[in-house]
């Protein structure tokens, strides 16, 4: 009986810890979006004249690899953003590397 309870408690703890990591990544992604370049990604991307990131990602028109390339190399009028993202306090606090930060932002915007 004690082993069964211990096993169930262990499984529950693993499930909860996975949710905590998912919540943390979502929170980091949101903070990157809201604070990149001091004013947030939405300053440019939530207006009709610029690419709508959420719509492009959800429609499958902007996959994770292309998204990362644009963040690292810039595109059109968009500057390279990865250095700015890596300075974000939420990224620093979470101890994220570039891949984790890009993943968090991409998932926050609706990607898998």
N, C-alpha and C. Protein backbone atom coordinates (compact mmCIF):
# COMPACT_ATOMS: atom_id res chain seq x y z
N UNK A 1 0.82 -1.19 0.00
CA UNK A 1 0.00 0.00 0.00
C UNK A 1 0.87 1.26 0.00
N UNK A 2 1.92 1.29 0.82
CA UNK A 2 2.80 2.46 0.88
C UNK A 2 3.51 2.66 -0.46
N UNK A 3 3.91 1.55 -1.12
CA UNK A 3 4.57 1.67 -2.41
C UNK A 3 3.62 2.26 -3.45
N UNK A 4 2.37 1.82 -3.40
CA UNK A 4 1.38 2.32 -4.35
C UNK A 4 1.15 3.81 -4.15
N UNK A 5 1.01 4.24 -2.91
CA UNK A 5 0.82 5.66 -2.63
C UNK A 5 2.05 6.47 -3.04
N UNK A 6 3.22 5.91 -2.78
CA UNK A 6 4.46 6.59 -3.16
C UNK A 6 4.57 6.72 -4.67
N UNK A 7 4.20 5.68 -5.39
CA UNK A 7 4.24 5.71 -6.85
C UNK A 7 3.26 6.74 -7.39
N UNK A 8 2.04 6.73 -6.85
CA UNK A 8 1.03 7.70 -7.29
C UNK A 8 1.47 9.13 -7.00
N UNK A 9 2.07 9.34 -5.84
CA UNK A 9 2.55 10.67 -5.48
C UNK A 9 3.66 11.10 -6.44
N UNK A 10 4.54 10.18 -6.80
CA UNK A 10 5.62 10.47 -7.74
C UNK A 10 5.09 10.84 -9.11
N UNK A 11 4.09 10.10 -9.57
CA UNK A 11 3.48 10.39 -10.88
C UNK A 11 2.82 11.76 -10.85
N UNK A 12 2.10 12.05 -9.78
CA UNK A 12 1.43 13.35 -9.66
C UNK A 12 2.46 14.48 -9.65
N UNK A 13 3.56 14.29 -8.95
CA UNK A 13 4.60 15.31 -8.89
C UNK A 13 5.21 15.56 -10.26
N UNK A 14 5.46 14.49 -11.01
CA UNK A 14 6.00 14.65 -12.36
C UNK A 14 5.02 15.39 -13.26
N UNK A 15 3.76 15.06 -13.17
CA UNK A 15 2.74 15.73 -13.98
C UNK A 15 2.68 17.22 -13.64
N UNK A 16 2.70 17.53 -12.38
CA UNK A 16 2.65 18.93 -11.95
C UNK A 16 3.90 19.69 -12.35
N UNK A 17 5.06 19.07 -12.25
CA UNK A 17 6.30 19.76 -12.60
C UNK A 17 6.33 20.05 -14.10
N UNK A 18 5.77 19.14 -14.92
CA UNK A 18 5.68 19.41 -16.35
C UNK A 18 4.81 20.62 -16.63
N UNK A 19 3.72 20.75 -15.88
CA UNK A 19 2.84 21.91 -16.05
C UNK A 19 3.55 23.19 -15.62
N UNK A 20 4.34 23.12 -14.58
CA UNK A 20 5.08 24.30 -14.11
C UNK A 20 6.04 24.77 -15.18
N UNK A 21 6.76 23.83 -15.82
CA UNK A 21 7.70 24.21 -16.88
C UNK A 21 6.95 24.80 -18.06
N UNK A 22 5.80 24.24 -18.43
CA UNK A 22 5.00 24.77 -19.53
C UNK A 22 4.51 26.18 -19.20
N UNK A 23 4.06 26.38 -17.96
CA UNK A 23 3.61 27.71 -17.54
C UNK A 23 4.76 28.71 -17.56
N UNK A 24 5.94 28.28 -17.12
CA UNK A 24 7.10 29.16 -17.11
C UNK A 24 7.45 29.59 -18.54
N UNK A 25 7.46 28.63 -19.46
CA UNK A 25 7.80 28.94 -20.85
C UNK A 25 6.78 29.91 -21.44
N UNK A 26 5.51 29.70 -21.15
CA UNK A 26 4.47 30.60 -21.64
C UNK A 26 4.66 32.00 -21.07
N UNK A 27 4.99 32.08 -19.81
CA UNK A 27 5.22 33.37 -19.16
C UNK A 27 6.44 34.07 -19.76
N UNK A 28 7.51 33.32 -20.00
CA UNK A 28 8.72 33.90 -20.60
C UNK A 28 8.40 34.38 -22.01
N UNK A 29 7.69 33.58 -22.79
CA UNK A 29 7.32 33.98 -24.14
C UNK A 29 6.50 35.25 -24.14
N UNK A 30 5.56 35.34 -23.22
CA UNK A 30 4.72 36.54 -23.11
C UNK A 30 5.56 37.76 -22.76
N UNK A 31 6.48 37.60 -21.83
CA UNK A 31 7.32 38.73 -21.42
C UNK A 31 8.26 39.17 -22.54
N UNK A 32 8.74 38.21 -23.32
CA UNK A 32 9.56 38.60 -24.48
C UNK A 32 8.72 39.43 -25.43
N UNK A 33 7.53 38.93 -25.75
CA UNK A 33 6.65 39.62 -26.71
C UNK A 33 6.29 41.03 -26.23
N UNK A 34 6.03 41.14 -24.94
CA UNK A 34 5.60 42.44 -24.39
C UNK A 34 6.74 43.42 -24.20
N UNK A 35 7.98 42.95 -24.12
CA UNK A 35 9.07 43.84 -23.72
C UNK A 35 10.24 43.93 -24.70
N UNK A 36 10.23 43.18 -25.78
CA UNK A 36 11.36 43.24 -26.70
C UNK A 36 11.56 44.67 -27.20
N UNK A 37 12.78 45.10 -27.28
CA UNK A 37 13.15 46.45 -27.71
C UNK A 37 12.50 47.53 -26.86
N UNK A 38 12.11 47.18 -25.63
CA UNK A 38 11.56 48.14 -24.70
C UNK A 38 10.09 48.48 -24.90
N UNK A 39 9.56 48.13 -26.05
CA UNK A 39 8.17 48.48 -26.31
C UNK A 39 7.33 47.28 -26.74
N UNK A 40 7.97 46.17 -26.98
CA UNK A 40 7.25 44.95 -27.32
C UNK A 40 7.11 44.70 -28.81
N UNK A 41 7.02 43.46 -29.17
CA UNK A 41 6.87 43.04 -30.57
C UNK A 41 5.58 43.57 -31.17
N UNK A 42 4.54 43.65 -30.34
CA UNK A 42 3.24 44.08 -30.82
C UNK A 42 3.21 45.51 -31.32
N UNK A 43 4.20 46.31 -30.96
CA UNK A 43 4.27 47.68 -31.45
C UNK A 43 4.23 47.70 -32.97
N UNK A 44 4.91 46.74 -33.56
CA UNK A 44 4.93 46.64 -35.03
C UNK A 44 4.01 45.53 -35.54
N UNK A 45 3.96 44.43 -34.85
CA UNK A 45 3.27 43.25 -35.38
C UNK A 45 1.79 43.18 -35.05
N UNK A 46 1.27 44.09 -34.28
CA UNK A 46 -0.16 44.10 -34.00
C UNK A 46 -0.86 45.21 -34.78
N UNK A 47 -0.21 45.67 -35.85
CA UNK A 47 -0.84 46.67 -36.71
C UNK A 47 -1.02 46.07 -38.10
N UNK A 48 -2.00 46.54 -38.82
CA UNK A 48 -2.40 45.93 -40.09
C UNK A 48 -1.30 45.94 -41.16
N UNK A 49 -0.39 46.89 -41.12
CA UNK A 49 0.60 47.00 -42.18
C UNK A 49 1.78 46.03 -42.04
N UNK A 50 1.88 45.34 -40.93
CA UNK A 50 2.99 44.41 -40.71
C UNK A 50 2.50 42.99 -40.55
N UNK A 51 3.39 42.03 -40.73
CA UNK A 51 2.98 40.63 -40.59
C UNK A 51 2.37 40.34 -39.23
N UNK A 52 1.26 39.68 -39.24
CA UNK A 52 0.57 39.28 -38.02
C UNK A 52 1.15 37.94 -37.57
N UNK A 53 2.07 37.98 -36.63
CA UNK A 53 2.80 36.79 -36.22
C UNK A 53 1.89 35.64 -35.79
N UNK A 54 0.94 35.94 -34.94
CA UNK A 54 0.07 34.89 -34.42
C UNK A 54 -0.68 34.20 -35.56
N UNK A 55 -1.23 34.98 -36.47
CA UNK A 55 -1.99 34.41 -37.59
C UNK A 55 -1.09 33.58 -38.49
N UNK A 56 0.10 34.08 -38.79
CA UNK A 56 1.03 33.33 -39.65
C UNK A 56 1.45 32.01 -39.02
N UNK A 57 1.73 32.04 -37.74
CA UNK A 57 2.16 30.83 -37.04
C UNK A 57 1.02 29.82 -36.96
N UNK A 58 -0.15 30.27 -36.55
CA UNK A 58 -1.30 29.36 -36.42
C UNK A 58 -1.72 28.77 -37.77
N UNK A 59 -1.53 29.52 -38.85
CA UNK A 59 -1.88 29.04 -40.19
C UNK A 59 -0.81 28.13 -40.78
N UNK A 60 0.32 27.99 -40.08
CA UNK A 60 1.40 27.15 -40.57
C UNK A 60 2.26 27.81 -41.63
N UNK A 61 2.10 29.11 -41.81
CA UNK A 61 2.87 29.84 -42.82
C UNK A 61 4.24 30.30 -42.30
N UNK A 62 4.41 30.27 -41.00
CA UNK A 62 5.69 30.65 -40.40
C UNK A 62 6.07 29.56 -39.41
N UNK A 63 6.91 28.64 -39.88
CA UNK A 63 7.31 27.54 -39.00
C UNK A 63 8.42 27.99 -38.06
N UNK A 64 8.73 27.14 -37.13
CA UNK A 64 9.70 27.46 -36.07
C UNK A 64 11.06 27.84 -36.65
N UNK A 65 11.52 27.11 -37.66
CA UNK A 65 12.84 27.36 -38.25
C UNK A 65 12.90 28.74 -38.92
N UNK A 66 11.88 29.09 -39.69
CA UNK A 66 11.84 30.39 -40.35
C UNK A 66 11.75 31.51 -39.32
N UNK A 67 10.94 31.28 -38.29
CA UNK A 67 10.78 32.24 -37.21
C UNK A 67 12.13 32.54 -36.57
N UNK A 68 12.88 31.50 -36.26
CA UNK A 68 14.19 31.67 -35.64
C UNK A 68 15.15 32.42 -36.58
N UNK A 69 15.11 32.09 -37.86
CA UNK A 69 15.98 32.76 -38.82
C UNK A 69 15.71 34.26 -38.85
N UNK A 70 14.44 34.64 -38.86
CA UNK A 70 14.09 36.07 -38.86
C UNK A 70 14.56 36.74 -37.57
N UNK A 71 14.40 36.06 -36.44
CA UNK A 71 14.86 36.65 -35.18
C UNK A 71 16.38 36.85 -35.18
N UNK A 72 17.10 35.94 -35.79
CA UNK A 72 18.57 36.01 -35.79
C UNK A 72 19.14 36.91 -36.87
N UNK A 73 18.46 36.99 -38.03
CA UNK A 73 19.01 37.73 -39.16
C UNK A 73 18.26 39.02 -39.49
N UNK A 74 17.05 39.17 -38.93
CA UNK A 74 16.22 40.31 -39.29
C UNK A 74 15.58 40.05 -40.66
N UNK A 75 14.67 40.94 -41.04
CA UNK A 75 14.04 40.81 -42.36
C UNK A 75 13.31 42.11 -42.67
N UNK A 76 13.53 42.61 -43.87
CA UNK A 76 12.90 43.87 -44.24
C UNK A 76 13.28 44.96 -43.25
N UNK A 77 12.30 45.58 -42.65
CA UNK A 77 12.57 46.63 -41.67
C UNK A 77 12.78 46.13 -40.25
N UNK A 78 12.66 44.81 -40.06
CA UNK A 78 12.82 44.26 -38.72
C UNK A 78 14.30 44.02 -38.42
N UNK A 79 14.79 44.57 -37.33
CA UNK A 79 16.19 44.33 -36.96
C UNK A 79 16.39 42.92 -36.41
N UNK A 80 17.64 42.54 -36.33
CA UNK A 80 17.97 41.28 -35.65
C UNK A 80 17.48 41.42 -34.21
N UNK A 81 16.78 40.40 -33.73
CA UNK A 81 16.15 40.52 -32.41
C UNK A 81 16.72 39.58 -31.35
N UNK A 82 17.51 38.61 -31.74
CA UNK A 82 17.91 37.58 -30.77
C UNK A 82 18.73 38.15 -29.61
N UNK A 83 19.61 39.09 -29.88
CA UNK A 83 20.41 39.67 -28.79
C UNK A 83 19.52 40.40 -27.80
N UNK A 84 18.52 41.11 -28.32
CA UNK A 84 17.57 41.82 -27.45
C UNK A 84 16.76 40.83 -26.63
N UNK A 85 16.33 39.76 -27.25
CA UNK A 85 15.57 38.72 -26.56
C UNK A 85 16.38 38.11 -25.42
N UNK A 86 17.64 37.87 -25.68
CA UNK A 86 18.49 37.23 -24.67
C UNK A 86 18.78 38.15 -23.48
N UNK A 87 18.59 39.45 -23.65
CA UNK A 87 18.77 40.40 -22.54
C UNK A 87 17.50 40.55 -21.71
N UNK A 88 16.38 40.00 -22.19
CA UNK A 88 15.11 40.14 -21.48
C UNK A 88 15.25 39.55 -20.07
N UNK A 89 14.85 40.27 -19.04
CA UNK A 89 15.00 39.78 -17.67
C UNK A 89 14.35 38.41 -17.42
N UNK A 90 13.23 38.14 -18.06
CA UNK A 90 12.58 36.83 -17.87
C UNK A 90 13.42 35.70 -18.45
N UNK A 91 14.08 35.96 -19.56
CA UNK A 91 14.95 34.96 -20.19
C UNK A 91 16.18 34.72 -19.31
N UNK A 92 16.75 35.81 -18.83
CA UNK A 92 17.93 35.72 -17.96
C UNK A 92 17.57 34.96 -16.67
N UNK A 93 16.47 35.33 -16.05
CA UNK A 93 16.05 34.70 -14.80
C UNK A 93 15.80 33.20 -14.98
N UNK A 94 15.19 32.83 -16.11
CA UNK A 94 14.90 31.42 -16.36
C UNK A 94 16.15 30.64 -16.75
N UNK A 95 17.23 31.35 -17.09
CA UNK A 95 18.45 30.69 -17.50
C UNK A 95 18.35 30.07 -18.89
N UNK A 96 17.51 30.63 -19.73
CA UNK A 96 17.28 30.07 -21.06
C UNK A 96 18.42 30.39 -22.01
N UNK A 97 18.72 29.43 -22.88
CA UNK A 97 19.60 29.64 -24.01
C UNK A 97 18.75 30.16 -25.17
N UNK A 98 19.38 30.41 -26.30
CA UNK A 98 18.66 30.95 -27.45
C UNK A 98 17.51 30.04 -27.90
N UNK A 99 17.77 28.75 -28.01
CA UNK A 99 16.73 27.82 -28.47
C UNK A 99 15.52 27.84 -27.54
N UNK A 100 15.77 27.84 -26.25
CA UNK A 100 14.66 27.84 -25.28
C UNK A 100 13.87 29.15 -25.35
N UNK A 101 14.57 30.26 -25.51
CA UNK A 101 13.90 31.56 -25.60
C UNK A 101 13.05 31.64 -26.86
N UNK A 102 13.60 31.19 -27.99
CA UNK A 102 12.84 31.19 -29.24
C UNK A 102 11.63 30.26 -29.12
N UNK A 103 11.85 29.08 -28.52
CA UNK A 103 10.73 28.14 -28.30
C UNK A 103 9.63 28.78 -27.48
N UNK A 104 10.01 29.46 -26.40
CA UNK A 104 9.02 30.08 -25.52
C UNK A 104 8.21 31.13 -26.26
N UNK A 105 8.89 31.97 -27.04
CA UNK A 105 8.19 33.01 -27.79
C UNK A 105 7.30 32.40 -28.87
N UNK A 106 7.82 31.42 -29.59
CA UNK A 106 7.06 30.77 -30.66
C UNK A 106 5.81 30.09 -30.11
N UNK A 107 5.96 29.40 -28.99
CA UNK A 107 4.80 28.73 -28.38
C UNK A 107 3.80 29.76 -27.86
N UNK A 108 4.27 30.84 -27.30
CA UNK A 108 3.36 31.88 -26.82
C UNK A 108 2.52 32.43 -27.98
N UNK A 109 3.12 32.52 -29.15
CA UNK A 109 2.43 33.06 -30.31
C UNK A 109 1.53 32.03 -31.00
N UNK A 110 1.51 30.81 -30.48
CA UNK A 110 0.58 29.81 -31.02
C UNK A 110 1.23 28.64 -31.72
N UNK A 111 2.56 28.58 -31.72
CA UNK A 111 3.24 27.47 -32.37
C UNK A 111 3.32 26.25 -31.47
N UNK A 112 3.68 25.16 -32.06
CA UNK A 112 3.82 23.91 -31.30
C UNK A 112 5.23 23.69 -30.82
